[in-house]
Every structure is written in structure tokens, then in C-alpha cells.
Amino acid sequence: MIKDRGNIKWASMMMPEHLDLLRECKEVYTAQPRELTEWELEELQQTIDIAYHQQQDLQLNVWNDGKIMHWTGIIHAINLSTNELLLETLLTTRRVPIHHIQSAQLEADYYD
């Protein structure tokens, strides 16, 4: 029976810089989302309100499965009972949990 030692067998061929980068990558994917301050939460709420009422494009940075995802779209609805936004992107409609949103920014209007 062959005993596979996983990544240990490759460690002797890797440079220390490579090992450091692999450790950093592992930390990034296992890190928790940062806690937003009161000021950031207030700014986030105002940006979402403006985007929803004026039906403007919004870019959201959302914590999803251990990494930050960047989604752009129009907020179709805000469901306060489940704390979710319905974000219509070009291809799909996404349910975005409000507590996973890290930042929001209105898309610039280039037609003015």
C-alpha cells in the first residue's frame, strides 16, 4: 500500500518564500470578515437606501464562503424579515444577506 504524505513530500523542493506565501494564502481564506464600525454601518445604510430608492447600479463587496465577492447590480427588494437584499445582476438575481455586506458603492453615471 502506498503511503501518501500530502504536501510534506513537496516541502523539501519549495523555497522558504513559497512556503510563506502559501501560509498567507491559507490565512486569507480562513480569516473572518472584519467588524464594521458604527460610521461604516451608517454610510453603508445610506448608500443602500439611495441605490434602492433611485434604482441605481450598486457595487457590493460581500463576504461569501471565506472570501470577498464583488457583485454589481440593482437592488430589486429589501426583505427585512430575512435581512436580505435581492440584487439583480446582469445574469442572475442574488439573495445577499445584509450582515455579510462589507462595503457598498454607487456606480458612476457616465452619461451625465
PDB file of N, CA and C in Angstrom:
ATOM      1  N   MET A   1       0.841  -1.176   0.000  1.00  0.00           N
ATOM      2  CA  MET A   1       0.000   0.000   0.000  1.00  0.00           C
ATOM      3  C   MET A   1       0.887   1.240   0.000  1.00  0.00           C
ATOM      4  N   ILE A   2       0.570   2.213  -0.847  1.00  0.00           N
ATOM      5  CA  ILE A   2       1.345   3.439  -0.966  1.00  0.00           C
ATOM      6  C   ILE A   2       0.867   4.426   0.088  1.00  0.00           C
ATOM      7  N   LYS A   3       1.843   4.985   0.825  1.00  0.00           N
ATOM      8  CA  LYS A   3       1.506   5.997   1.830  1.00  0.00           C
ATOM      9  C   LYS A   3       1.803   7.367   1.237  1.00  0.00           C
ATOM     10  N   ASP A   4       0.768   8.128   1.048  1.00  0.00           N
ATOM     11  CA  ASP A   4       0.917   9.481   0.502  1.00  0.00           C
ATOM     12  C   ASP A   4       1.021  10.456   1.659  1.00  0.00           C
ATOM     13  N   ARG A   5       2.078  11.287   1.643  1.00  0.00           N
ATOM     14  CA  ARG A   5       2.292  12.227   2.734  1.00  0.00           C
ATOM     15  C   ARG A   5       1.748  13.611   2.417  1.00  0.00           C
ATOM     16  N   GLY A   6       0.977  13.758   1.347  1.00  0.00           N
ATOM     17  CA  GLY A   6       0.371  15.047   1.005  1.00  0.00           C
ATOM     18  C   GLY A   6       1.412  16.089   0.638  1.00  0.00           C
ATOM     19  N   ASN A   7       1.286  17.272   1.207  1.00  0.00           N
ATOM     20  CA  ASN A   7       2.194  18.377   0.892  1.00  0.00           C
ATOM     21  C   ASN A   7       3.570  18.217   1.517  1.00  0.00           C
ATOM     22  N   ILE A   8       3.712  17.339   2.485  1.00  0.00           N
ATOM     23  CA  ILE A   8       5.003  17.160   3.143  1.00  0.00           C
ATOM     24  C   ILE A   8       6.055  16.705   2.144  1.00  0.00           C
ATOM     25  N   LYS A   9       5.698  15.870   1.199  1.00  0.00           N
ATOM     26  CA  LYS A   9       6.682  15.352   0.249  1.00  0.00           C
ATOM     27  C   LYS A   9       7.240  16.449  -0.665  1.00  0.00           C
ATOM     28  N   TRP A  10       6.506  17.557  -0.838  1.00  0.00           N
ATOM     29  CA  TRP A  10       6.969  18.642  -1.698  1.00  0.00           C
ATOM     30  C   TRP A  10       7.704  19.730  -0.930  1.00  0.00           C
ATOM     31  N   ALA A  11       7.660  19.701   0.378  1.00  0.00           N
ATOM     32  CA  ALA A  11       8.245  20.771   1.186  1.00  0.00           C
ATOM     33  C   ALA A  11       9.749  20.913   0.965  1.00  0.00           C
ATOM     34  N   SER A  12      10.440  19.834   0.713  1.00  0.00           N
ATOM     35  CA  SER A  12      11.889  19.924   0.523  1.00  0.00           C
ATOM     36  C   SER A  12      12.253  20.636  -0.777  1.00  0.00           C
ATOM     37  N   MET A  13      11.339  20.680  -1.749  1.00  0.00           N
ATOM     38  CA  MET A  13      11.615  21.335  -3.024  1.00  0.00           C
ATOM     39  C   MET A  13      11.153  22.787  -3.069  1.00  0.00           C
ATOM     40  N   MET A  14      10.456  23.237  -2.048  1.00  0.00           N
ATOM     41  CA  MET A  14       9.933  24.599  -2.047  1.00  0.00           C
ATOM     42  C   MET A  14      10.899  25.547  -1.352  1.00  0.00           C
ATOM     43  N   MET A  15      10.948  26.744  -1.880  1.00  0.00           N
ATOM     44  CA  MET A  15      11.758  27.786  -1.259  1.00  0.00           C
ATOM     45  C   MET A  15      11.002  28.346  -0.051  1.00  0.00           C
ATOM     46  N   PRO A  16      11.704  28.901   0.921  1.00  0.00           N
ATOM     47  CA  PRO A  16      11.031  29.470   2.093  1.00  0.00           C
ATOM     48  C   PRO A  16      10.022  30.564   1.725  1.00  0.00           C
ATOM     49  N   GLU A  17      10.306  31.318   0.669  1.00  0.00           N
ATOM     50  CA  GLU A  17       9.379  32.359   0.229  1.00  0.00           C
ATOM     51  C   GLU A  17       8.057  31.756  -0.231  1.00  0.00           C
ATOM     52  N   HIS A  18       8.148  30.612  -0.905  1.00  0.00           N
ATOM     53  CA  HIS A  18       6.938  29.951  -1.372  1.00  0.00           C
ATOM     54  C   HIS A  18       6.105  29.452  -0.194  1.00  0.00           C
ATOM     55  N   LEU A  19       6.774  28.902   0.804  1.00  0.00           N
ATOM     56  CA  LEU A  19       6.061  28.414   1.980  1.00  0.00           C
ATOM     57  C   LEU A  19       5.373  29.560   2.715  1.00  0.00           C
ATOM     58  N   ASP A  20       6.058  30.723   2.810  1.00  0.00           N
ATOM     59  CA  ASP A  20       5.449  31.890   3.457  1.00  0.00           C
ATOM     60  C   ASP A  20       4.205  32.353   2.704  1.00  0.00           C
ATOM     61  N   LEU A  21       4.293  32.384   1.374  1.00  0.00           N
ATOM     62  CA  LEU A  21       3.145  32.798   0.565  1.00  0.00           C
ATOM     63  C   LEU A  21       1.983  31.810   0.700  1.00  0.00           C
ATOM     64  N   LEU A  22       2.283  30.532   0.759  1.00  0.00           N
ATOM     65  CA  LEU A  22       1.218  29.538   0.948  1.00  0.00           C
ATOM     66  C   LEU A  22       0.534  29.710   2.294  1.00  0.00           C
ATOM     67  N   ARG A  23       1.305  30.009   3.338  1.00  0.00           N
ATOM     68  CA  ARG A  23       0.711  30.243   4.654  1.00  0.00           C
ATOM     69  C   ARG A  23      -0.182  31.484   4.636  1.00  0.00           C
ATOM     70  N   GLU A  24       0.285  32.548   3.967  1.00  0.00           N
ATOM     71  CA  GLU A  24      -0.514  33.772   3.874  1.00  0.00           C
ATOM     72  C   GLU A  24      -1.822  33.515   3.137  1.00  0.00           C
ATOM     73  N   CYS A  25      -1.753  32.764   2.047  1.00  0.00           N
ATOM     74  CA  CYS A  25      -2.971  32.443   1.289  1.00  0.00           C
ATOM     75  C   CYS A  25      -3.948  31.655   2.143  1.00  0.00           C
ATOM     76  N   LYS A  26      -3.429  30.720   2.921  1.00  0.00           N
ATOM     77  CA  LYS A  26      -4.295  29.921   3.775  1.00  0.00           C
ATOM     78  C   LYS A  26      -4.963  30.797   4.832  1.00  0.00           C
ATOM     79  N   GLU A  27      -4.239  31.781   5.371  1.00  0.00           N
ATOM     80  CA  GLU A  27      -4.816  32.687   6.357  1.00  0.00           C
ATOM     81  C   GLU A  27      -5.910  33.548   5.751  1.00  0.00           C
ATOM     82  N   VAL A  28      -5.707  34.008   4.513  1.00  0.00           N
ATOM     83  CA  VAL A  28      -6.701  34.851   3.849  1.00  0.00           C
ATOM     84  C   VAL A  28      -8.005  34.095   3.686  1.00  0.00           C
ATOM     85  N   TYR A  29      -7.930  32.830   3.283  1.00  0.00           N
ATOM     86  CA  TYR A  29      -9.141  32.062   3.043  1.00  0.00           C
ATOM     87  C   TYR A  29      -9.823  31.595   4.317  1.00  0.00           C
ATOM     88  N   THR A  30      -9.104  31.562   5.435  1.00  0.00           N
ATOM     89  CA  THR A  30      -9.722  31.134   6.676  1.00  0.00           C
ATOM     90  C   THR A  30     -10.027  32.301   7.605  1.00  0.00           C
ATOM     91  N   ALA A  31      -9.674  33.521   7.203  1.00  0.00           N
ATOM     92  CA  ALA A  31      -9.909  34.689   8.054  1.00  0.00           C
ATOM     93  C   ALA A  31     -11.404  35.003   8.109  1.00  0.00           C
ATOM     94  N   GLN A  32     -11.800  35.648   9.179  1.00  0.00           N
ATOM     95  CA  GLN A  32     -13.190  36.057   9.365  1.00  0.00           C
ATOM     96  C   GLN A  32     -13.376  37.474   8.826  1.00  0.00           C
ATOM     97  N   PRO A  33     -14.600  37.833   8.458  1.00  0.00           N
ATOM     98  CA  PRO A  33     -14.832  39.198   7.976  1.00  0.00           C
ATOM     99  C   PRO A  33     -14.605  40.195   9.109  1.00  0.00           C
ATOM    100  N   ARG A  34     -14.147  41.370   8.734  1.00  0.00           N
ATOM    101  CA  ARG A  34     -13.868  42.361   9.765  1.00  0.00           C
ATOM    102  C   ARG A  34     -15.166  42.984  10.256  1.00  0.00           C
ATOM    103  N   GLU A  35     -15.166  43.412  11.499  1.00  0.00           N
ATOM    104  CA  GLU A  35     -16.317  44.067  12.110  1.00  0.00           C
ATOM    105  C   GLU A  35     -16.362  45.509  11.632  1.00  0.00           C
ATOM    106  N   LEU A  36     -17.517  45.946  11.169  1.00  0.00           N
ATOM    107  CA  LEU A  36     -17.675  47.314  10.689  1.00  0.00           C
ATOM    108  C   LEU A  36     -17.958  48.245  11.861  1.00  0.00           C
ATOM    109  N   THR A  37     -17.407  49.458  11.772  1.00  0.00           N
ATOM    110  CA  THR A  37     -17.658  50.445  12.822  1.00  0.00           C
ATOM    111  C   THR A  37     -19.045  51.047  12.626  1.00  0.00           C
ATOM    112  N   GLU A  38     -19.479  51.817  13.610  1.00  0.00           N
ATOM    113  CA  GLU A  38     -20.797  52.442  13.540  1.00  0.00           C
ATOM    114  C   GLU A  38     -20.884  53.410  12.363  1.00  0.00           C
ATOM    115  N   TRP A  39     -19.799  54.139  12.112  1.00  0.00           N
ATOM    116  CA  TRP A  39     -19.772  55.082  10.990  1.00  0.00           C
ATOM    117  C   TRP A  39     -19.874  54.354   9.654  1.00  0.00           C
ATOM    118  N   GLU A  40     -19.169  53.240   9.539  1.00  0.00           N
ATOM    119  CA  GLU A  40     -19.214  52.467   8.299  1.00  0.00           C
ATOM    120  C   GLU A  40     -20.594  51.860   8.078  1.00  0.00           C
ATOM    121  N   LEU A  41     -21.224  51.397   9.145  1.00  0.00           N
ATOM    122  CA  LEU A  41     -22.572  50.842   9.019  1.00  0.00           C
ATOM    123  C   LEU A  41     -23.580  51.908   8.597  1.00  0.00           C
ATOM    124  N   GLU A  42     -23.429  53.115   9.148  1.00  0.00           N
ATOM    125  CA  GLU A  42     -24.332  54.202   8.783  1.00  0.00           C
ATOM    126  C   GLU A  42     -24.142  54.598   7.317  1.00  0.00           C
ATOM    127  N   GLU A  43     -22.895  54.684   6.876  1.00  0.00           N
ATOM    128  CA  GLU A  43     -22.616  55.016   5.475  1.00  0.00           C
ATOM    129  C   GLU A  43     -23.133  53.916   4.549  1.00  0.00           C
ATOM    130  N   LEU A  44     -22.976  52.674   4.967  1.00  0.00           N
ATOM    131  CA  LEU A  44     -23.467  51.542   4.191  1.00  0.00           C
ATOM    132  C   LEU A  44     -24.982  51.602   4.041  1.00  0.00           C
ATOM    133  N   GLN A  45     -25.682  51.925   5.133  1.00  0.00           N
ATOM    134  CA  GLN A  45     -27.138  52.026   5.098  1.00  0.00           C
ATOM    135  C   GLN A  45     -27.589  53.152   4.173  1.00  0.00           C
ATOM    136  N   GLN A  46     -26.927  54.307   4.239  1.00  0.00           N
ATOM    137  CA  GLN A  46     -27.302  55.430   3.382  1.00  0.00           C
ATOM    138  C   GLN A  46     -27.074  55.106   1.910  1.00  0.00           C
ATOM    139  N   THR A  47     -25.970  54.471   1.615  1.00  0.00           N
ATOM    140  CA  THR A  47     -25.668  54.110   0.221  1.00  0.00           C
ATOM    141  C   THR A  47     -26.691  53.122  -0.317  1.00  0.00           C
ATOM    142  N   ILE A  48     -27.051  52.139   0.480  1.00  0.00           N
ATOM    143  CA  ILE A  48     -28.044  51.150   0.047  1.00  0.00           C
ATOM    144  C   ILE A  48     -29.409  51.799  -0.131  1.00  0.00           C
ATOM    145  N   ASP A  49     -29.791  52.704   0.776  1.00  0.00           N
ATOM    146  CA  ASP A  49     -31.072  53.405   0.649  1.00  0.00           C
ATOM    147  C   ASP A  49     -31.137  54.229  -0.635  1.00  0.00           C
ATOM    148  N   ILE A  50     -30.076  54.966  -0.931  1.00  0.00           N
ATOM    149  CA  ILE A  50     -30.045  55.781  -2.154  1.00  0.00           C
ATOM    150  C   ILE A  50     -30.142  54.894  -3.384  1.00  0.00           C
ATOM    151  N   ALA A  51     -29.364  53.820  -3.402  1.00  0.00           N
ATOM    152  CA  ALA A  51     -29.378  52.925  -4.557  1.00  0.00           C
ATOM    153  C   ALA A  51     -30.740  52.272  -4.743  1.00  0.00           C
ATOM    154  N   TYR A  52     -31.402  51.917  -3.648  1.00  0.00           N
ATOM    155  CA  TYR A  52     -32.714  51.258  -3.741  1.00  0.00           C
ATOM    156  C   TYR A  52     -33.787  52.226  -4.223  1.00  0.00           C
ATOM    157  N   HIS A  53     -33.844  53.417  -3.648  1.00  0.00           N
ATOM    158  CA  HIS A  53     -34.913  54.360  -3.994  1.00  0.00           C
ATOM    159  C   HIS A  53     -34.716  54.983  -5.381  1.00  0.00           C
ATOM    160  N   GLN A  54     -33.473  55.157  -5.814  1.00  0.00           N
ATOM    161  CA  GLN A  54     -33.216  55.754  -7.125  1.00  0.00           C
ATOM    162  C   GLN A  54     -32.938  54.703  -8.195  1.00  0.00           C
ATOM    163  N   GLN A  55     -32.968  53.427  -7.813  1.00  0.00           N
ATOM    164  CA  GLN A  55     -32.720  52.318  -8.741  1.00  0.00           C
ATOM    165  C   GLN A  55     -31.413  52.509  -9.513  1.00  0.00           C
ATOM    166  N   GLN A  56     -30.348  52.808  -8.773  1.00  0.00           N
ATOM    167  CA  GLN A  56     -29.026  52.979  -9.366  1.00  0.00           C
ATOM    168  C   GLN A  56     -28.214  51.699  -9.221  1.00  0.00           C
ATOM    169  N   ASP A  57     -27.231  51.544 -10.113  1.00  0.00           N
ATOM    170  CA  ASP A  57     -26.318  50.421 -10.004  1.00  0.00           C
ATOM    171  C   ASP A  57     -25.482  50.568  -8.743  1.00  0.00           C
ATOM    172  N   LEU A  58     -25.244  49.447  -8.103  1.00  0.00           N
ATOM    173  CA  LEU A  58     -24.526  49.421  -6.837  1.00  0.00           C
ATOM    174  C   LEU A  58     -23.480  48.324  -6.894  1.00  0.00           C
ATOM    175  N   GLN A  59     -22.281  48.629  -6.427  1.00  0.00           N
ATOM    176  CA  GLN A  59     -21.236  47.615  -6.327  1.00  0.00           C
ATOM    177  C   GLN A  59     -21.112  47.210  -4.869  1.00  0.00           C
ATOM    178  N   LEU A  60     -21.313  45.923  -4.601  1.00  0.00           N
ATOM    179  CA  LEU A  60     -21.244  45.392  -3.244  1.00  0.00           C
ATOM    180  C   LEU A  60     -20.029  44.499  -3.091  1.00  0.00           C
ATOM    181  N   ASN A  61     -19.360  44.630  -1.955  1.00  0.00           N
ATOM    182  CA  ASN A  61     -18.315  43.699  -1.562  1.00  0.00           C
ATOM    183  C   ASN A  61     -18.911  42.856  -0.442  1.00  0.00           C
ATOM    184  N   VAL A  62     -19.077  41.565  -0.718  1.00  0.00           N
ATOM    185  CA  VAL A  62     -19.818  40.679   0.168  1.00  0.00           C
ATOM    186  C   VAL A  62     -18.923  39.534   0.616  1.00  0.00           C
ATOM    187  N   TRP A  63     -18.965  39.246   1.921  1.00  0.00           N
ATOM    188  CA  TRP A  63     -18.231  38.113   2.477  1.00  0.00           C
ATOM    189  C   TRP A  63     -19.018  36.853   2.157  1.00  0.00           C
ATOM    190  N   ASN A  64     -18.401  35.948   1.382  1.00  0.00           N
ATOM    191  CA  ASN A  64     -19.110  34.748   0.947  1.00  0.00           C
ATOM    192  C   ASN A  64     -18.147  33.565   0.953  1.00  0.00           C
ATOM    193  N   ASP A  65     -18.414  32.580   1.780  1.00  0.00           N
ATOM    194  CA  ASP A  65     -17.615  31.348   1.847  1.00  0.00           C
ATOM    195  C   ASP A  65     -16.127  31.615   2.043  1.00  0.00           C
ATOM    196  N   GLY A  66     -15.791  32.490   2.958  1.00  0.00           N
ATOM    197  CA  GLY A  66     -14.399  32.716   3.307  1.00  0.00           C
ATOM    198  C   GLY A  66     -13.645  33.682   2.429  1.00  0.00           C
ATOM    199  N   LYS A  67     -14.318  34.366   1.506  1.00  0.00           N
ATOM    200  CA  LYS A  67     -13.638  35.353   0.663  1.00  0.00           C
ATOM    201  C   LYS A  67     -14.594  36.483   0.311  1.00  0.00           C
ATOM    202  N   ILE A  68     -14.037  37.580  -0.137  1.00  0.00           N
ATOM    203  CA  ILE A  68     -14.827  38.748  -0.518  1.00  0.00           C
ATOM    204  C   ILE A  68     -15.198  38.625  -1.997  1.00  0.00           C
ATOM    205  N   MET A  69     -16.496  38.702  -2.262  1.00  0.00           N
ATOM    206  CA  MET A  69     -17.005  38.667  -3.637  1.00  0.00           C
ATOM    207  C   MET A  69     -17.440  40.073  -4.032  1.00  0.00           C
ATOM    208  N   HIS A  70     -17.235  40.450  -5.288  1.00  0.00           N
ATOM    209  CA  HIS A  70     -17.634  41.759  -5.802  1.00  0.00           C
ATOM    210  C   HIS A  70     -18.806  41.557  -6.761  1.00  0.00           C
ATOM    211  N   TRP A  71     -19.946  42.100  -6.393  1.00  0.00           N
ATOM    212  CA  TRP A  71     -21.144  41.982  -7.218  1.00  0.00           C
ATOM    213  C   TRP A  71     -21.668  43.365  -7.544  1.00  0.00           C
ATOM    214  N   THR A  72     -22.130  43.543  -8.778  1.00  0.00           N
ATOM    215  CA  THR A  72     -22.694  44.809  -9.229  1.00  0.00           C
ATOM    216  C   THR A  72     -24.090  44.553  -9.770  1.00  0.00           C
ATOM    217  N   GLY A  73     -25.034  45.412  -9.368  1.00  0.00           N
ATOM    218  CA  GLY A  73     -26.397  45.258  -9.847  1.00  0.00           C
ATOM    219  C   GLY A  73     -27.315  46.303  -9.255  1.00  0.00           C
ATOM    220  N   ILE A  74     -28.605  46.092  -9.438  1.00  0.00           N
ATOM    221  CA  ILE A  74     -29.642  46.996  -8.933  1.00  0.00           C
ATOM    222  C   ILE A  74     -30.419  46.260  -7.851  1.00  0.00           C
ATOM    223  N   ILE A  75     -30.667  46.944  -6.746  1.00  0.00           N
ATOM    224  CA  ILE A  75     -31.423  46.336  -5.651  1.00  0.00           C
ATOM    225  C   ILE A  75     -32.897  46.293  -6.052  1.00  0.00           C
ATOM    226  N   HIS A  76     -33.418  45.087  -6.157  1.00  0.00           N
ATOM    227  CA  HIS A  76     -34.818  44.896  -6.539  1.00  0.00           C
ATOM    228  C   HIS A  76     -35.735  45.002  -5.324  1.00  0.00           C
ATOM    229  N   ALA A  77     -35.298  44.450  -4.188  1.00  0.00           N
ATOM    230  CA  ALA A  77     -36.118  44.473  -2.980  1.00  0.00           C
ATOM    231  C   ALA A  77     -35.228  44.315  -1.759  1.00  0.00           C
ATOM    232  N   ILE A  78     -35.744  44.797  -0.630  1.00  0.00           N
ATOM    233  CA  ILE A  78     -35.089  44.614   0.661  1.00  0.00           C
ATOM    234  C   ILE A  78     -36.071  43.862   1.550  1.00  0.00           C
ATOM    235  N   ASN A  79     -35.681  42.679   1.972  1.00  0.00           N
ATOM    236  CA  ASN A  79     -36.535  41.849   2.820  1.00  0.00           C
ATOM    237  C   ASN A  79     -36.021  41.941   4.251  1.00  0.00           C
ATOM    238  N   LEU A  80     -36.710  42.704   5.089  1.00  0.00           N
ATOM    239  CA  LEU A  80     -36.264  42.910   6.462  1.00  0.00           C
ATOM    240  C   LEU A  80     -36.550  41.720   7.366  1.00  0.00           C
ATOM    241  N   SER A  81     -37.504  40.885   7.002  1.00  0.00           N
ATOM    242  CA  SER A  81     -37.798  39.720   7.844  1.00  0.00           C
ATOM    243  C   SER A  81     -36.669  38.684   7.771  1.00  0.00           C
ATOM    244  N   THR A  82     -36.019  38.564   6.607  1.00  0.00           N
ATOM    245  CA  THR A  82     -34.905  37.625   6.466  1.00  0.00           C
ATOM    246  C   THR A  82     -33.561  38.346   6.407  1.00  0.00           C
ATOM    247  N   ASN A  83     -33.573  39.689   6.491  1.00  0.00           N
ATOM    248  CA  ASN A  83     -32.349  40.514   6.406  1.00  0.00           C
ATOM    249  C   ASN A  83     -31.555  40.212   5.141  1.00  0.00           C
ATOM    250  N   GLU A  84     -32.229  40.291   4.000  1.00  0.00           N
ATOM    251  CA  GLU A  84     -31.599  40.025   2.718  1.00  0.00           C
ATOM    252  C   GLU A  84     -31.944  41.123   1.715  1.00  0.00           C
ATOM    253  N   LEU A  85     -31.027  41.317   0.769  1.00  0.00           N
ATOM    254  CA  LEU A  85     -31.278  42.173  -0.390  1.00  0.00           C
ATOM    255  C   LEU A  85     -31.458  41.270  -1.599  1.00  0.00           C
ATOM    256  N   LEU A  86     -32.329  41.656  -2.500  1.00  0.00           N
ATOM    257  CA  LEU A  86     -32.423  40.985  -3.791  1.00  0.00           C
ATOM    258  C   LEU A  86     -31.682  41.863  -4.790  1.00  0.00           C
ATOM    259  N   LEU A  87     -30.539  41.403  -5.233  1.00  0.00           N
ATOM    260  CA  LEU A  87     -29.686  42.159  -6.140  1.00  0.00           C
ATOM    261  C   LEU A  87     -29.793  41.564  -7.535  1.00  0.00           C
ATOM    262  N   GLU A  88     -30.269  42.369  -8.484  1.00  0.00           N
ATOM    263  CA  GLU A  88     -30.373  41.915  -9.871  1.00  0.00           C
ATOM    264  C   GLU A  88     -29.089  42.269 -10.589  1.00  0.00           C
ATOM    265  N   THR A  89     -28.304  41.250 -10.944  1.00  0.00           N
ATOM    266  CA  THR A  89     -27.099  41.450 -11.732  1.00  0.00           C
ATOM    267  C   THR A  89     -27.459  41.239 -13.198  1.00  0.00           C
ATOM    268  N   LEU A  90     -26.463  41.299 -14.061  1.00  0.00           N
ATOM    269  CA  LEU A  90     -26.742  41.120 -15.486  1.00  0.00           C
ATOM    270  C   LEU A  90     -27.291  39.729 -15.797  1.00  0.00           C
ATOM    271  N   LEU A  91     -26.829  38.719 -15.070  1.00  0.00           N
ATOM    272  CA  LEU A  91     -27.207  37.354 -15.400  1.00  0.00           C
ATOM    273  C   LEU A  91     -28.214  36.727 -14.439  1.00  0.00           C
ATOM    274  N   THR A  92     -28.153  37.097 -13.156  1.00  0.00           N
ATOM    275  CA  THR A  92     -29.000  36.429 -12.170  1.00  0.00           C
ATOM    276  C   THR A  92     -29.534  37.421 -11.146  1.00  0.00           C
ATOM    277  N   THR A  93     -30.402  36.918 -10.301  1.00  0.00           N
ATOM    278  CA  THR A  93     -30.861  37.652  -9.127  1.00  0.00           C
ATOM    279  C   THR A  93     -30.285  36.944  -7.910  1.00  0.00           C
ATOM    280  N   ARG A  94     -29.552  37.686  -7.088  1.00  0.00           N
ATOM    281  CA  ARG A  94     -28.879  37.102  -5.922  1.00  0.00           C
ATOM    282  C   ARG A  94     -29.550  37.548  -4.635  1.00  0.00           C
ATOM    283  N   ARG A  95     -29.611  36.640  -3.695  1.00  0.00           N
ATOM    284  CA  ARG A  95     -30.041  36.963  -2.338  1.00  0.00           C
ATOM    285  C   ARG A  95     -28.777  37.232  -1.532  1.00  0.00           C
ATOM    286  N   VAL A  96     -28.634  38.460  -1.063  1.00  0.00           N
ATOM    287  CA  VAL A  96     -27.431  38.860  -0.338  1.00  0.00           C
ATOM    288  C   VAL A  96     -27.805  39.121   1.117  1.00  0.00           C
ATOM    289  N   PRO A  97     -27.277  38.336   2.060  1.00  0.00           N
ATOM    290  CA  PRO A  97     -27.530  38.618   3.474  1.00  0.00           C
ATOM    291  C   PRO A  97     -26.919  39.970   3.855  1.00  0.00           C
ATOM    292  N   ILE A  98     -27.685  40.800   4.524  1.00  0.00           N
ATOM    293  CA  ILE A  98     -27.234  42.156   4.843  1.00  0.00           C
ATOM    294  C   ILE A  98     -26.016  42.126   5.754  1.00  0.00           C
ATOM    295  N   HIS A  99     -25.962  41.187   6.693  1.00  0.00           N
ATOM    296  CA  HIS A  99     -24.835  41.150   7.624  1.00  0.00           C
ATOM    297  C   HIS A  99     -23.541  40.664   6.975  1.00  0.00           C
ATOM    298  N   HIS A 100     -23.583  40.179   5.730  1.00  0.00           N
ATOM    299  CA  HIS A 100     -22.374  39.774   5.010  1.00  0.00           C
ATOM    300  C   HIS A 100     -21.783  40.899   4.166  1.00  0.00           C
ATOM    301  N   ILE A 101     -22.496  42.001   4.015  1.00  0.00           N
ATOM    302  CA  ILE A 101     -22.021  43.104   3.183  1.00  0.00           C
ATOM    303  C   ILE A 101     -20.901  43.833   3.911  1.00  0.00           C
ATOM    304  N   GLN A 102     -19.756  43.979   3.242  1.00  0.00           N
ATOM    305  CA  GLN A 102     -18.608  44.666   3.814  1.00  0.00           C
ATOM    306  C   GLN A 102     -18.534  46.126   3.360  1.00  0.00           C
ATOM    307  N   SER A 103     -18.911  46.401   2.108  1.00  0.00           N
ATOM    308  CA  SER A 103     -18.941  47.780   1.625  1.00  0.00           C
ATOM    309  C   SER A 103     -19.869  47.877   0.424  1.00  0.00           C
ATOM    310  N   ALA A 104     -20.322  49.094   0.169  1.00  0.00           N
ATOM    311  CA  ALA A 104     -21.220  49.355  -0.962  1.00  0.00           C
ATOM    312  C   ALA A 104     -20.832  50.684  -1.570  1.00  0.00           C
ATOM    313  N   GLN A 105     -20.885  50.752  -2.892  1.00  0.00           N
ATOM    314  CA  GLN A 105     -20.523  51.975  -3.600  1.00  0.00           C
ATOM    315  C   GLN A 105     -21.410  52.134  -4.808  1.00  0.00           C
ATOM    316  N   LEU A 106     -21.938  53.336  -4.987  1.00  0.00           N
ATOM    317  CA  LEU A 106     -22.752  53.615  -6.161  1.00  0.00           C
ATOM    318  C   LEU A 106     -21.866  53.639  -7.391  1.00  0.00           C
ATOM    319  N   GLU A 107     -22.355  53.078  -8.470  1.00  0.00           N
ATOM    320  CA  GLU A 107     -21.618  53.095  -9.722  1.00  0.00           C
ATOM    321  C   GLU A 107     -21.709  54.488 -10.325  1.00  0.00           C
ATOM    322  N   ALA A 108     -20.615  54.956 -10.891  1.00  0.00           N
ATOM    323  CA  ALA A 108     -20.584  56.289 -11.514  1.00  0.00           C
ATOM    324  C   ALA A 108     -21.457  56.291 -12.760  1.00  0.00           C
ATOM    325  N   ASP A 109     -22.179  57.369 -12.925  1.00  0.00           N
ATOM    326  CA  ASP A 109     -23.034  57.524 -14.093  1.00  0.00           C
ATOM    327  C   ASP A 109     -22.271  58.300 -15.143  1.00  0.00           C
ATOM    328  N   TYR A 110     -21.867  57.622 -16.206  1.00  0.00           N
ATOM    329  CA  TYR A 110     -21.038  58.256 -17.237  1.00  0.00           C
ATOM    330  C   TYR A 110     -21.849  58.980 -18.291  1.00  0.00           C
ATOM    331  N   TYR A 111     -23.162  58.973 -18.188  1.00  0.00           N
ATOM    332  CA  TYR A 111     -23.986  59.560 -19.222  1.00  0.00           C
ATOM    333  C   TYR A 111     -24.367  61.007 -18.923  1.00  0.00           C
ATOM    334  N   ASP A 112     -24.062  61.529 -17.741  1.00  0.00           N
ATOM    335  CA  ASP A 112     -24.403  62.915 -17.402  1.00  0.00           C
ATOM    336  C   ASP A 112     -23.437  63.891 -18.019  1.00  0.00           C
TER     337      ASP A 112
END
